[in-house]
Amino acid sequence: MKVFSLFATLSIAAAASMAAASVACAYNADDVSAVTNGQDRPGADLSNADLSGADLTGLNLTGANLSNADLSGARLERAVLTKANFANSNLKRAVFSEAQMTEANLRNVEAPFSYFGHAILAHSDLSDGNFFRADFRGATLTESTGASAVFQEATFDKANLSKSDFTFANFSYSWLFQSNLSESCFTGANLYEVNGSEIKAQKADFSSAKLGSARLIGGDFTEAVFEKAVLDKATLKGAVLKDVVWGTAFKEKAVF
């Protein structure tokens, strides 16, 4: 009986190992071949594929599965990536300028130095992703979520981040010049030393956010909430502060 039990255990382990190997090579070879040869492939299974440095410019990959894929250095300018799944993928230095990425899944991606200039990321999920020094200038991220994501030193100049959830996200040292944050949630977020001059942040929630040394000159914070926020040495000269909820915010050293 003990021998049989041991045999059964080893068989299960072997099956599990084979299943894991199968998952690790889950991509469809025909799909990989098609996209690397410049062919549209909506719904393609490219999960776990090595597409590093690939030129996928302008391709239609609507609903494609790119989870766990290596897209480092890949070019996806103007690509149609609506509802595409990039979860856990490597997007380091990938280029998504003007890409259509509505409802895309970018949870837990590694995307430092990536470029999303003027991309459409409305209703997308960027939670827990690493976007260190990524460039989102002119991008649209309305009604998206980037909870606990890292946007440190990233650029969001003239981007639209309205009605989104960035709870506990890290925006420290980032650029938000003339961006739209209206009705978005930054509860507990790190916005230390951001350059947020001339931003729109009507009804935005900055409760418990860290805004030390932030440059918020000329911004519109009408009805914004700063309950328990830290604004030590923040600069809000010329900002519109009508009906702002300060609560117990620390703003004694802020400059108005």
Protein backbone atom coordinates (compact mmCIF):
# COMPACT_ATOMS: atom_id res chain seq x y z
CA MET A 1 0.00 0.00 0.00
CA LYS A 2 2.86 2.36 0.86
CA VAL A 3 4.48 1.65 -2.50
CA PHE A 4 1.22 2.35 -4.29
CA SER A 5 0.76 5.59 -2.32
CA LEU A 6 4.27 6.73 -3.20
CA PHE A 7 3.68 5.87 -6.86
CA ALA A 8 0.41 7.81 -6.87
CA THR A 9 2.10 10.82 -5.27
CA LEU A 10 4.92 10.79 -7.82
CA SER A 11 2.40 10.46 -10.66
CA ILE A 12 0.46 13.48 -9.42
CA ALA A 13 3.66 15.49 -9.07
CA ALA A 14 4.73 14.54 -12.60
CA ALA A 15 1.31 15.52 -13.97
CA ALA A 16 1.48 18.85 -12.18
CA SER A 17 4.96 19.46 -13.60
CA MET A 18 3.77 18.67 -17.11
CA ALA A 19 0.78 20.98 -16.67
CA ALA A 20 3.06 23.78 -15.49
CA ALA A 21 5.31 23.28 -18.53
CA SER A 22 2.26 23.37 -20.76
CA VAL A 23 1.15 26.66 -19.22
CA ALA A 24 4.66 28.07 -19.63
CA CYS A 25 4.37 27.49 -23.41
CA ALA A 26 0.74 28.51 -23.69
CA TYR A 27 1.09 30.77 -26.73
CA ASN A 28 -0.22 29.76 -30.12
CA ALA A 29 2.74 29.40 -32.49
CA ASP A 30 0.64 30.40 -35.51
CA ASP A 31 -0.46 33.58 -33.73
CA VAL A 32 3.13 34.46 -32.85
CA SER A 33 4.23 33.87 -36.43
CA ALA A 34 1.36 35.96 -37.80
CA VAL A 35 1.94 39.04 -35.63
CA THR A 36 5.70 39.00 -36.09
CA ASN A 37 5.03 39.04 -39.82
CA GLY A 38 2.79 42.09 -39.56
CA GLN A 39 -0.62 40.38 -39.70
CA ASP A 40 -3.65 41.44 -37.66
CA ARG A 41 -4.66 38.81 -35.11
CA PRO A 42 -7.66 39.75 -32.93
CA GLY A 43 -7.99 37.34 -30.01
CA ALA A 44 -4.49 35.97 -30.48
CA ASP A 45 -2.96 33.83 -27.75
CA LEU A 46 0.48 35.32 -27.21
CA SER A 47 0.77 34.47 -23.54
CA ASN A 48 4.33 33.72 -22.41
CA ALA A 49 5.65 34.53 -25.89
CA ASP A 50 9.01 36.20 -26.44
CA LEU A 51 8.16 39.29 -28.47
CA SER A 52 11.02 41.42 -27.23
CA GLY A 53 11.93 44.05 -29.80
CA ALA A 54 9.07 43.00 -32.09
CA ASP A 55 7.52 45.55 -34.45
CA LEU A 56 3.74 45.28 -34.00
CA THR A 57 3.00 48.81 -35.16
CA GLY A 58 -0.62 49.39 -36.13
CA LEU A 59 -1.72 45.76 -35.69
CA ASN A 60 -5.23 44.82 -34.60
CA LEU A 61 -4.79 42.68 -31.49
CA THR A 62 -8.19 43.31 -29.96
CA GLY A 63 -8.77 40.95 -27.04
CA ALA A 64 -5.35 39.34 -27.42
CA ASN A 65 -3.83 37.45 -24.50
CA LEU A 66 -0.33 38.80 -23.89
CA SER A 67 -0.10 37.83 -20.24
CA ASN A 68 3.40 36.91 -19.02
CA ALA A 69 4.80 37.82 -22.43
CA ASP A 70 8.14 39.55 -22.98
CA LEU A 71 7.44 42.73 -24.94
CA SER A 72 10.50 44.63 -23.79
CA GLY A 73 11.52 47.12 -26.44
CA ALA A 74 8.57 46.17 -28.66
CA ARG A 75 6.86 48.77 -30.84
CA LEU A 76 3.06 48.91 -30.72
CA GLU A 77 2.39 52.43 -32.00
CA ARG A 78 -1.21 52.91 -33.12
CA ALA A 79 -1.96 49.26 -32.39
CA VAL A 80 -5.55 48.30 -31.52
CA LEU A 81 -5.28 46.64 -28.12
CA THR A 82 -8.82 47.03 -26.82
CA LYS A 83 -9.47 44.52 -24.00
CA ALA A 84 -5.98 43.04 -24.46
CA ASN A 85 -4.52 41.21 -21.47
CA PHE A 86 -0.95 42.21 -20.52
CA ALA A 87 -1.06 40.95 -16.93
CA ASN A 88 2.40 40.17 -15.51
CA SER A 89 4.09 40.97 -18.81
CA ASN A 90 7.44 42.69 -19.39
CA LEU A 91 6.86 46.02 -21.14
CA LYS A 92 10.19 47.66 -20.35
CA ARG A 93 10.89 50.40 -22.92
CA ALA A 94 7.93 49.25 -25.04
CA VAL A 95 6.28 51.94 -27.19
CA PHE A 96 2.48 52.32 -27.18
CA SER A 97 2.13 55.82 -28.61
CA GLU A 98 -1.41 56.50 -29.90
CA ALA A 99 -2.40 52.89 -29.20
CA GLN A 100 -6.07 52.05 -28.57
CA MET A 101 -6.02 50.31 -25.18
CA THR A 102 -9.52 50.78 -23.77
CA GLU A 103 -10.31 48.16 -21.11
CA ALA A 104 -6.80 46.73 -21.29
CA ASN A 105 -5.45 44.68 -18.39
CA LEU A 106 -1.99 45.85 -17.33
CA ARG A 107 -2.03 44.49 -13.79
CA ASN A 108 1.36 43.82 -12.27
CA VAL A 109 3.30 44.64 -15.43
CA GLU A 110 6.97 45.62 -15.47
CA ALA A 111 6.93 48.73 -17.65
CA PRO A 112 9.75 51.08 -16.63
CA PHE A 113 10.74 53.62 -19.28
CA SER A 114 7.75 52.62 -21.44
CA TYR A 115 6.02 55.16 -23.68
CA PHE A 116 2.23 55.67 -23.77
CA GLY A 117 2.12 59.12 -25.34
CA HIS A 118 -1.45 59.96 -26.48
CA ALA A 119 -2.56 56.35 -25.96
CA ILE A 120 -6.20 55.66 -25.02
CA LEU A 121 -6.26 53.70 -21.76
CA ALA A 122 -9.80 54.50 -20.59
CA HIS A 123 -11.37 51.88 -18.30
CA SER A 124 -8.03 50.08 -18.05
CA ASP A 125 -6.40 48.38 -15.06
CA LEU A 126 -2.82 49.37 -14.21
CA SER A 127 -2.94 48.19 -10.60
CA ASP A 128 0.33 47.08 -8.97
CA GLY A 129 2.28 47.82 -12.15
CA ASN A 130 5.76 49.29 -12.28
CA PHE A 131 5.74 52.36 -14.56
CA PHE A 132 8.92 54.00 -13.29
CA ARG A 133 9.82 56.90 -15.58
CA ALA A 134 7.10 55.88 -18.04
CA ASP A 135 5.75 58.59 -20.35
CA PHE A 136 1.97 59.13 -20.47
CA ARG A 137 1.94 62.65 -21.85
CA GLY A 138 -1.37 63.40 -23.56
CA ALA A 139 -2.72 59.94 -22.72
CA THR A 140 -6.32 59.22 -21.70
CA LEU A 141 -6.77 57.16 -18.53
CA THR A 142 -10.31 58.16 -17.58
CA GLU A 143 -12.24 55.77 -15.31
CA SER A 144 -9.19 53.55 -14.91
CA THR A 145 -7.45 52.11 -11.87
CA GLY A 146 -3.80 52.29 -10.94
CA ALA A 147 -4.10 51.33 -7.29
CA SER A 148 -0.72 50.65 -5.64
CA ALA A 149 1.07 51.15 -8.97
CA VAL A 150 4.48 52.81 -9.21
CA PHE A 151 4.51 55.96 -11.36
CA GLN A 152 7.62 57.42 -9.80
CA GLU A 153 9.29 60.05 -12.01
CA ALA A 154 6.71 59.37 -14.72
CA THR A 155 5.38 62.06 -17.07
CA PHE A 156 1.66 62.83 -17.31
CA ASP A 157 1.75 66.30 -18.85
CA LYS A 158 -1.69 67.15 -20.31
CA ALA A 159 -2.95 63.62 -19.62
CA ASN A 160 -6.53 62.88 -18.57
CA LEU A 161 -6.67 60.83 -15.35
CA SER A 162 -10.16 61.89 -14.31
CA LYS A 163 -12.63 59.65 -12.44
CA SER A 164 -9.91 57.07 -11.75
CA ASP A 165 -8.63 55.19 -8.70
CA PHE A 166 -4.98 55.68 -7.74
CA THR A 167 -5.26 54.63 -4.11
CA PHE A 168 -1.79 54.15 -2.56
CA ALA A 169 -0.08 54.72 -5.93
CA ASN A 170 3.40 56.23 -5.99
CA PHE A 171 3.64 59.40 -8.10
CA SER A 172 6.65 60.86 -6.31
CA TYR A 173 8.76 63.21 -8.46
CA SER A 174 6.37 62.79 -11.39
CA TRP A 175 5.23 65.49 -13.82
CA LEU A 176 1.51 66.27 -13.99
CA PHE A 177 1.64 69.64 -15.74
CA GLN A 178 -1.86 70.66 -16.96
CA SER A 179 -3.21 67.15 -16.35
CA ASN A 180 -6.81 66.41 -15.40
CA LEU A 181 -7.29 64.61 -12.07
CA SER A 182 -10.90 65.66 -11.47
CA GLU A 183 -13.04 63.27 -9.41
CA SER A 184 -10.14 60.82 -9.05
CA CYS A 185 -9.08 59.11 -5.82
CA PHE A 186 -5.52 59.51 -4.53
CA THR A 187 -6.18 58.27 -1.01
CA GLY A 188 -2.88 57.38 0.65
CA ALA A 189 -0.98 58.10 -2.57
CA ASN A 190 2.61 59.36 -2.60
CA LEU A 191 2.74 62.63 -4.52
CA TYR A 192 5.92 63.94 -2.96
CA GLU A 193 7.55 66.72 -4.97
CA VAL A 194 5.30 66.27 -8.01
CA ASN A 195 5.13 69.08 -10.54
CA GLY A 196 1.38 69.55 -10.77
CA SER A 197 1.23 73.12 -11.99
CA GLU A 198 -2.08 74.15 -13.62
CA ILE A 199 -3.75 70.80 -12.98
CA LYS A 200 -7.50 70.30 -12.82
CA ALA A 201 -8.42 68.46 -9.65
CA GLN A 202 -12.03 69.39 -8.94
CA LYS A 203 -13.61 66.98 -6.43
CA ALA A 204 -10.42 64.89 -6.34
CA ASP A 205 -9.79 62.96 -3.11
CA PHE A 206 -6.30 63.39 -1.63
CA SER A 207 -7.16 62.02 1.82
CA SER A 208 -4.00 60.88 3.66
CA ALA A 209 -1.92 61.61 0.54
CA LYS A 210 1.71 62.70 0.83
CA LEU A 211 2.08 66.01 -1.01
CA GLY A 212 5.24 67.32 0.63
CA SER A 213 7.12 69.89 -1.54
CA ALA A 214 4.57 69.40 -4.35
CA ARG A 215 4.28 72.21 -6.91
CA LEU A 216 0.56 72.78 -7.37
CA ILE A 217 0.71 76.33 -8.68
CA GLY A 218 -2.38 77.62 -10.49
CA GLY A 219 -4.34 74.40 -10.13
CA ASP A 220 -8.10 74.12 -9.71
CA PHE A 221 -8.94 72.18 -6.53
CA THR A 222 -12.60 73.16 -6.22
CA GLU A 223 -14.31 70.81 -3.72
CA ALA A 224 -11.18 68.65 -3.44
CA VAL A 225 -10.65 66.68 -0.21
CA PHE A 226 -7.35 66.84 1.71
CA GLU A 227 -8.39 65.16 4.97
CA LYS A 228 -5.22 64.01 6.82
CA ALA A 229 -3.07 64.88 3.80
CA VAL A 230 0.49 66.12 4.33
CA LEU A 231 1.28 69.30 2.38
CA ASP A 232 4.53 70.18 4.11
CA LYS A 233 6.29 72.85 1.99
CA ALA A 234 3.82 72.36 -0.87
CA THR A 235 3.28 75.37 -3.14
CA LEU A 236 -0.30 76.26 -4.12
CA LYS A 237 0.17 79.86 -5.25
CA GLY A 238 -2.66 81.00 -7.52
CA ALA A 239 -4.62 77.78 -6.99
CA VAL A 240 -8.42 77.75 -6.90
CA LEU A 241 -9.37 76.39 -3.46
CA LYS A 242 -13.11 77.00 -3.39
CA ASP A 243 -14.99 74.71 -0.95
CA VAL A 244 -11.90 72.58 -0.33
CA VAL A 245 -12.22 70.12 2.56
CA TRP A 246 -9.01 70.42 4.59
CA GLY A 247 -10.07 68.54 7.72
CA THR A 248 -6.94 67.74 9.71
CA ALA A 249 -4.54 68.20 6.77
CA PHE A 250 -1.03 69.27 7.69
CA LYS A 251 -0.52 72.48 5.72
CA GLU A 252 1.21 74.78 8.19
CA LYS A 253 4.33 75.06 6.00
CA ALA A 254 2.45 75.14 2.69
CA VAL A 255 2.73 78.25 0.54
CA PHE A 256 -0.51 79.77 -0.74
